Amino acid sequence: MSETSHTESSSLPTFAYIAAFIILFIILAVFGDLFTFILGSIGLVVTFAAFYKDNSHDDHH
C-alpha cells in the first residue's frame, strides 16, 4: 500500500454552507410532494444544525 499524508482540510466560508442549504431547500420544495418536503426539511435542518454545532464549538477553542 502506498502511504499518503493526510492534510487537514480547510473549511468553506459560512456563506457557502448557507447557499448550499438554501439551494437544497429550494430543490426540495420544487421537486418534492408535501410529505417529502416535510420530512426532507426536517432532515435538512437537523443535518445542517448538527454540522453548525460541531464547527462552532471548534472555532471557539
C-alpha atoms as a PDB file:
ATOM      1  CA  MET A   1       0.000   0.000   0.000  1.00  0.00           C
ATOM      2  CA  SER A   2       1.160   3.484  -0.678  1.00  0.00           C
ATOM      3  CA  GLU A   3       1.475   5.908   2.162  1.00  0.00           C
ATOM      4  CA  THR A   4      -0.309   9.186   1.737  1.00  0.00           C
ATOM      5  CA  SER A   5      -0.032  12.098   4.060  1.00  0.00           C
ATOM      6  CA  HIS A   6      -3.339  13.346   5.339  1.00  0.00           C
ATOM      7  CA  THR A   7      -3.500  17.082   5.458  1.00  0.00           C
ATOM      8  CA  GLU A   8      -6.059  18.994   7.383  1.00  0.00           C
ATOM      9  CA  SER A   9      -8.643  20.383   5.003  1.00  0.00           C
ATOM     10  CA  SER A  10      -9.660  23.984   5.244  1.00  0.00           C
ATOM     11  CA  SER A  11     -13.342  24.575   5.801  1.00  0.00           C
ATOM     12  CA  LEU A  12     -15.525  26.515   3.409  1.00  0.00           C
ATOM     13  CA  PRO A  13     -16.726  30.001   4.299  1.00  0.00           C
ATOM     14  CA  THR A  14     -20.039  30.348   6.074  1.00  0.00           C
ATOM     15  CA  PHE A  15     -21.851  31.774   3.052  1.00  0.00           C
ATOM     16  CA  ALA A  16     -21.088  28.562   1.116  1.00  0.00           C
ATOM     17  CA  TYR A  17     -22.938  26.491   3.710  1.00  0.00           C
ATOM     18  CA  ILE A  18     -25.844  28.935   3.768  1.00  0.00           C
ATOM     19  CA  ALA A  19     -26.019  28.880  -0.038  1.00  0.00           C
ATOM     20  CA  ALA A  20     -25.944  25.062  -0.056  1.00  0.00           C
ATOM     21  CA  PHE A  21     -28.767  24.948   2.495  1.00  0.00           C
ATOM     22  CA  ILE A  22     -30.930  27.374   0.502  1.00  0.00           C
ATOM     23  CA  ILE A  23     -30.275  25.573  -2.798  1.00  0.00           C
ATOM     24  CA  LEU A  24     -31.119  22.169  -1.308  1.00  0.00           C
ATOM     25  CA  PHE A  25     -34.228  23.611   0.341  1.00  0.00           C
ATOM     26  CA  ILE A  26     -35.424  25.110  -2.967  1.00  0.00           C
ATOM     27  CA  ILE A  27     -34.789  21.833  -4.814  1.00  0.00           C
ATOM     28  CA  LEU A  28     -36.757  20.016  -2.133  1.00  0.00           C
ATOM     29  CA  ALA A  29     -39.638  22.497  -2.383  1.00  0.00           C
ATOM     30  CA  VAL A  30     -39.803  22.381  -6.184  1.00  0.00           C
ATOM     31  CA  PHE A  31     -39.445  18.646  -6.808  1.00  0.00           C
ATOM     32  CA  GLY A  32     -40.917  17.093  -3.659  1.00  0.00           C
ATOM     33  CA  ASP A  33     -44.506  16.485  -2.720  1.00  0.00           C
ATOM     34  CA  LEU A  34     -45.815  17.647   0.673  1.00  0.00           C
ATOM     35  CA  PHE A  35     -44.773  14.540   2.613  1.00  0.00           C
ATOM     36  CA  THR A  36     -41.278  14.549   1.090  1.00  0.00           C
ATOM     37  CA  PHE A  37     -40.974  18.284   1.677  1.00  0.00           C
ATOM     38  CA  ILE A  38     -41.859  17.988   5.364  1.00  0.00           C
ATOM     39  CA  LEU A  39     -39.560  15.033   6.084  1.00  0.00           C
ATOM     40  CA  GLY A  40     -36.782  16.419   3.898  1.00  0.00           C
ATOM     41  CA  SER A  41     -36.973  19.819   5.571  1.00  0.00           C
ATOM     42  CA  ILE A  42     -36.670  18.249   8.996  1.00  0.00           C
ATOM     43  CA  GLY A  43     -33.715  16.154   7.859  1.00  0.00           C
ATOM     44  CA  LEU A  44     -32.050  19.114   6.176  1.00  0.00           C
ATOM     45  CA  VAL A  45     -32.411  21.356   9.220  1.00  0.00           C
ATOM     46  CA  VAL A  46     -31.174  18.661  11.618  1.00  0.00           C
ATOM     47  CA  THR A  47     -28.182  17.873   9.396  1.00  0.00           C
ATOM     48  CA  PHE A  48     -27.081  21.472   8.987  1.00  0.00           C
ATOM     49  CA  ALA A  49     -27.744  22.266  12.654  1.00  0.00           C
ATOM     50  CA  ALA A  50     -25.570  19.348  13.784  1.00  0.00           C
ATOM     51  CA  PHE A  51     -22.833  20.425  11.390  1.00  0.00           C
ATOM     52  CA  TYR A  52     -23.014  24.020  12.647  1.00  0.00           C
ATOM     53  CA  LYS A  53     -22.886  22.867  16.264  1.00  0.00           C
ATOM     54  CA  ASP A  54     -19.749  20.810  15.585  1.00  0.00           C
ATOM     55  CA  ASN A  55     -17.974  23.608  13.733  1.00  0.00           C
ATOM     56  CA  SER A  56     -18.961  26.438  16.062  1.00  0.00           C
ATOM     57  CA  HIS A  57     -17.642  24.535  19.043  1.00  0.00           C
ATOM     58  CA  ASP A  58     -14.255  24.030  17.362  1.00  0.00           C
ATOM     59  CA  ASP A  59     -13.928  27.683  16.374  1.00  0.00           C
ATOM     60  CA  HIS A  60     -14.099  28.990  19.940  1.00  0.00           C
ATOM     61  CA  HIS A  61     -11.488  26.639  21.370  1.00  0.00           C
END
